[in-house]
Amino acid sequence: MRYVIVIVAIAFFLIWDGVYNHGHYLDVTVKEASRIVRYVTG
């Protein structure tokens, strides 16, 4: 049940971000994650 709540919360955030912010937060998150991966892998 705990996992269902987490998945629903993430899905709700992604839908909210897409509708109201045109994916701004998701875009920033992906850019930061790829920057961290590049930093770690050299």
PDB file of N, CA and C in Angstrom:
ATOM      1  N   MET A   1       0.829  -1.208   0.000  1.00  0.00           N
ATOM      2  CA  MET A   1       0.000   0.000   0.000  1.00  0.00           C
ATOM      3  C   MET A   1       0.865   1.261   0.000  1.00  0.00           C
ATOM      4  N   ARG A   2       1.988   1.188   0.712  1.00  0.00           N
ATOM      5  CA  ARG A   2       2.892   2.322   0.776  1.00  0.00           C
ATOM      6  C   ARG A   2       3.410   2.691  -0.614  1.00  0.00           C
ATOM      7  N   TYR A   3       3.767   1.661  -1.391  1.00  0.00           N
ATOM      8  CA  TYR A   3       4.312   1.899  -2.730  1.00  0.00           C
ATOM      9  C   TYR A   3       3.274   2.517  -3.649  1.00  0.00           C
ATOM     10  N   VAL A   4       2.016   2.099  -3.485  1.00  0.00           N
ATOM     11  CA  VAL A   4       0.938   2.665  -4.309  1.00  0.00           C
ATOM     12  C   VAL A   4       0.810   4.151  -4.050  1.00  0.00           C
ATOM     13  N   ILE A   5       0.884   4.567  -2.799  1.00  0.00           N
ATOM     14  CA  ILE A   5       0.788   5.987  -2.457  1.00  0.00           C
ATOM     15  C   ILE A   5       1.950   6.754  -3.069  1.00  0.00           C
ATOM     16  N   VAL A   6       3.148   6.199  -3.003  1.00  0.00           N
ATOM     17  CA  VAL A   6       4.327   6.868  -3.577  1.00  0.00           C
ATOM     18  C   VAL A   6       4.176   7.006  -5.091  1.00  0.00           C
ATOM     19  N   ILE A   7       3.735   5.936  -5.756  1.00  0.00           N
ATOM     20  CA  ILE A   7       3.574   5.973  -7.214  1.00  0.00           C
ATOM     21  C   ILE A   7       2.501   6.983  -7.610  1.00  0.00           C
ATOM     22  N   VAL A   8       1.389   7.009  -6.868  1.00  0.00           N
ATOM     23  CA  VAL A   8       0.327   7.968  -7.168  1.00  0.00           C
ATOM     24  C   VAL A   8       0.821   9.395  -6.949  1.00  0.00           C
ATOM     25  N   ALA A   9       1.595   9.625  -5.890  1.00  0.00           N
ATOM     26  CA  ALA A   9       2.115  10.963  -5.622  1.00  0.00           C
ATOM     27  C   ALA A   9       3.057  11.409  -6.742  1.00  0.00           C
ATOM     28  N   ILE A  10       3.925  10.530  -7.197  1.00  0.00           N
ATOM     29  CA  ILE A  10       4.843  10.875  -8.283  1.00  0.00           C
ATOM     30  C   ILE A  10       4.073  11.135  -9.567  1.00  0.00           C
ATOM     31  N   ALA A  11       3.091  10.285  -9.864  1.00  0.00           N
ATOM     32  CA  ALA A  11       2.288  10.479 -11.077  1.00  0.00           C
ATOM     33  C   ALA A  11       1.531  11.799 -11.013  1.00  0.00           C
ATOM     34  N   PHE A  12       0.959  12.111  -9.855  1.00  0.00           N
ATOM     35  CA  PHE A  12       0.234  13.375  -9.694  1.00  0.00           C
ATOM     36  C   PHE A  12       1.166  14.561  -9.896  1.00  0.00           C
ATOM     37  N   PHE A  13       2.382  14.483  -9.348  1.00  0.00           N
ATOM     38  CA  PHE A  13       3.349  15.569  -9.522  1.00  0.00           C
ATOM     39  C   PHE A  13       3.721  15.749 -10.991  1.00  0.00           C
ATOM     40  N   LEU A  14       3.952  14.639 -11.692  1.00  0.00           N
ATOM     41  CA  LEU A  14       4.329  14.725 -13.105  1.00  0.00           C
ATOM     42  C   LEU A  14       3.196  15.320 -13.938  1.00  0.00           C
ATOM     43  N   ILE A  15       1.954  14.927 -13.639  1.00  0.00           N
ATOM     44  CA  ILE A  15       0.808  15.483 -14.374  1.00  0.00           C
ATOM     45  C   ILE A  15       0.672  16.967 -14.068  1.00  0.00           C
ATOM     46  N   TRP A  16       0.787  17.339 -12.785  1.00  0.00           N
ATOM     47  CA  TRP A  16       0.688  18.755 -12.393  1.00  0.00           C
ATOM     48  C   TRP A  16       1.784  19.580 -13.068  1.00  0.00           C
ATOM     49  N   ASP A  17       2.997  19.044 -13.072  1.00  0.00           N
ATOM     50  CA  ASP A  17       4.123  19.746 -13.684  1.00  0.00           C
ATOM     51  C   ASP A  17       3.895  19.919 -15.184  1.00  0.00           C
ATOM     52  N   GLY A  18       3.408  18.880 -15.823  1.00  0.00           N
ATOM     53  CA  GLY A  18       3.162  18.955 -17.256  1.00  0.00           C
ATOM     54  C   GLY A  18       2.053  19.930 -17.612  1.00  0.00           C
ATOM     55  N   VAL A  19       0.988  19.965 -16.801  1.00  0.00           N
ATOM     56  CA  VAL A  19      -0.161  20.810 -17.121  1.00  0.00           C
ATOM     57  C   VAL A  19       0.122  22.272 -16.805  1.00  0.00           C
ATOM     58  N   TYR A  20       0.659  22.545 -15.626  1.00  0.00           N
ATOM     59  CA  TYR A  20       0.793  23.932 -15.182  1.00  0.00           C
ATOM     60  C   TYR A  20       2.141  24.555 -15.469  1.00  0.00           C
ATOM     61  N   ASN A  21       3.189  23.755 -15.580  1.00  0.00           N
ATOM     62  CA  ASN A  21       4.525  24.304 -15.775  1.00  0.00           C
ATOM     63  C   ASN A  21       5.167  23.852 -17.078  1.00  0.00           C
ATOM     64  N   HIS A  22       4.420  23.142 -17.913  1.00  0.00           N
ATOM     65  CA  HIS A  22       4.921  22.646 -19.193  1.00  0.00           C
ATOM     66  C   HIS A  22       6.177  21.804 -19.000  1.00  0.00           C
ATOM     67  N   GLY A  23       6.223  21.026 -17.924  1.00  0.00           N
ATOM     68  CA  GLY A  23       7.333  20.108 -17.684  1.00  0.00           C
ATOM     69  C   GLY A  23       8.597  20.777 -17.186  1.00  0.00           C
ATOM     70  N   HIS A  24       8.490  21.976 -16.630  1.00  0.00           N
ATOM     71  CA  HIS A  24       9.686  22.711 -16.199  1.00  0.00           C
ATOM     72  C   HIS A  24      10.484  21.947 -15.149  1.00  0.00           C
ATOM     73  N   TYR A  25       9.808  21.485 -14.089  1.00  0.00           N
ATOM     74  CA  TYR A  25      10.538  20.807 -13.010  1.00  0.00           C
ATOM     75  C   TYR A  25      11.127  19.490 -13.488  1.00  0.00           C
ATOM     76  N   LEU A  26      10.389  18.778 -14.334  1.00  0.00           N
ATOM     77  CA  LEU A  26      10.915  17.525 -14.867  1.00  0.00           C
ATOM     78  C   LEU A  26      12.154  17.791 -15.709  1.00  0.00           C
ATOM     79  N   ASP A  27      12.124  18.844 -16.508  1.00  0.00           N
ATOM     80  CA  ASP A  27      13.259  19.216 -17.354  1.00  0.00           C
ATOM     81  C   ASP A  27      14.478  19.546 -16.498  1.00  0.00           C
ATOM     82  N   VAL A  28      14.280  20.333 -15.450  1.00  0.00           N
ATOM     83  CA  VAL A  28      15.385  20.695 -14.554  1.00  0.00           C
ATOM     84  C   VAL A  28      15.950  19.448 -13.879  1.00  0.00           C
ATOM     85  N   THR A  29      15.071  18.550 -13.448  1.00  0.00           N
ATOM     86  CA  THR A  29      15.517  17.324 -12.781  1.00  0.00           C
ATOM     87  C   THR A  29      16.351  16.465 -13.716  1.00  0.00           C
ATOM     88  N   VAL A  30      15.901  16.317 -14.955  1.00  0.00           N
ATOM     89  CA  VAL A  30      16.648  15.509 -15.921  1.00  0.00           C
ATOM     90  C   VAL A  30      18.009  16.135 -16.208  1.00  0.00           C
ATOM     91  N   LYS A  31      18.059  17.454 -16.357  1.00  0.00           N
ATOM     92  CA  LYS A  31      19.339  18.128 -16.622  1.00  0.00           C
ATOM     93  C   LYS A  31      20.302  17.944 -15.455  1.00  0.00           C
ATOM     94  N   GLU A  32      19.805  18.109 -14.240  1.00  0.00           N
ATOM     95  CA  GLU A  32      20.669  17.938 -13.070  1.00  0.00           C
ATOM     96  C   GLU A  32      21.150  16.498 -12.951  1.00  0.00           C
ATOM     97  N   ALA A  33      20.256  15.530 -13.183  1.00  0.00           N
ATOM     98  CA  ALA A  33      20.640  14.123 -13.083  1.00  0.00           C
ATOM     99  C   ALA A  33      21.708  13.790 -14.111  1.00  0.00           C
ATOM    100  N   SER A  34      21.550  14.275 -15.338  1.00  0.00           N
ATOM    101  CA  SER A  34      22.556  13.967 -16.355  1.00  0.00           C
ATOM    102  C   SER A  34      23.879  14.661 -16.031  1.00  0.00           C
ATOM    103  N   ARG A  35      23.820  15.851 -15.449  1.00  0.00           N
ATOM    104  CA  ARG A  35      25.049  16.542 -15.056  1.00  0.00           C
ATOM    105  C   ARG A  35      25.770  15.766 -13.956  1.00  0.00           C
ATOM    106  N   ILE A  36      25.014  15.244 -12.998  1.00  0.00           N
ATOM    107  CA  ILE A  36      25.613  14.461 -11.903  1.00  0.00           C
ATOM    108  C   ILE A  36      26.224  13.177 -12.464  1.00  0.00           C
ATOM    109  N   VAL A  37      25.517  12.523 -13.382  1.00  0.00           N
ATOM    110  CA  VAL A  37      26.047  11.292 -13.977  1.00  0.00           C
ATOM    111  C   VAL A  37      27.341  11.574 -14.722  1.00  0.00           C
ATOM    112  N   ARG A  38      27.373  12.672 -15.497  1.00  0.00           N
ATOM    113  CA  ARG A  38      28.600  13.031 -16.209  1.00  0.00           C
ATOM    114  C   ARG A  38      29.735  13.324 -15.238  1.00  0.00           C
ATOM    115  N   TYR A  39      29.423  13.993 -14.109  1.00  0.00           N
ATOM    116  CA  TYR A  39      30.429  14.332 -13.117  1.00  0.00           C
ATOM    117  C   TYR A  39      30.992  13.055 -12.474  1.00  0.00           C
ATOM    118  N   VAL A  40      30.102  12.103 -12.165  1.00  0.00           N
ATOM    119  CA  VAL A  40      30.533  10.880 -11.491  1.00  0.00           C
ATOM    120  C   VAL A  40      31.336   9.993 -12.441  1.00  0.00           C
ATOM    121  N   THR A  41      30.891   9.916 -13.695  1.00  0.00           N
ATOM    122  CA  THR A  41      31.572   9.026 -14.643  1.00  0.00           C
ATOM    123  C   THR A  41      32.819   9.662 -15.231  1.00  0.00           C
ATOM    124  N   GLY A  42      33.039  10.926 -14.941  1.00  0.00           N
ATOM    125  CA  GLY A  42      34.260  11.564 -15.414  1.00  0.00           C
ATOM    126  C   GLY A  42      34.056  12.242 -16.737  1.00  0.00           C
TER     127      GLY A  42
END
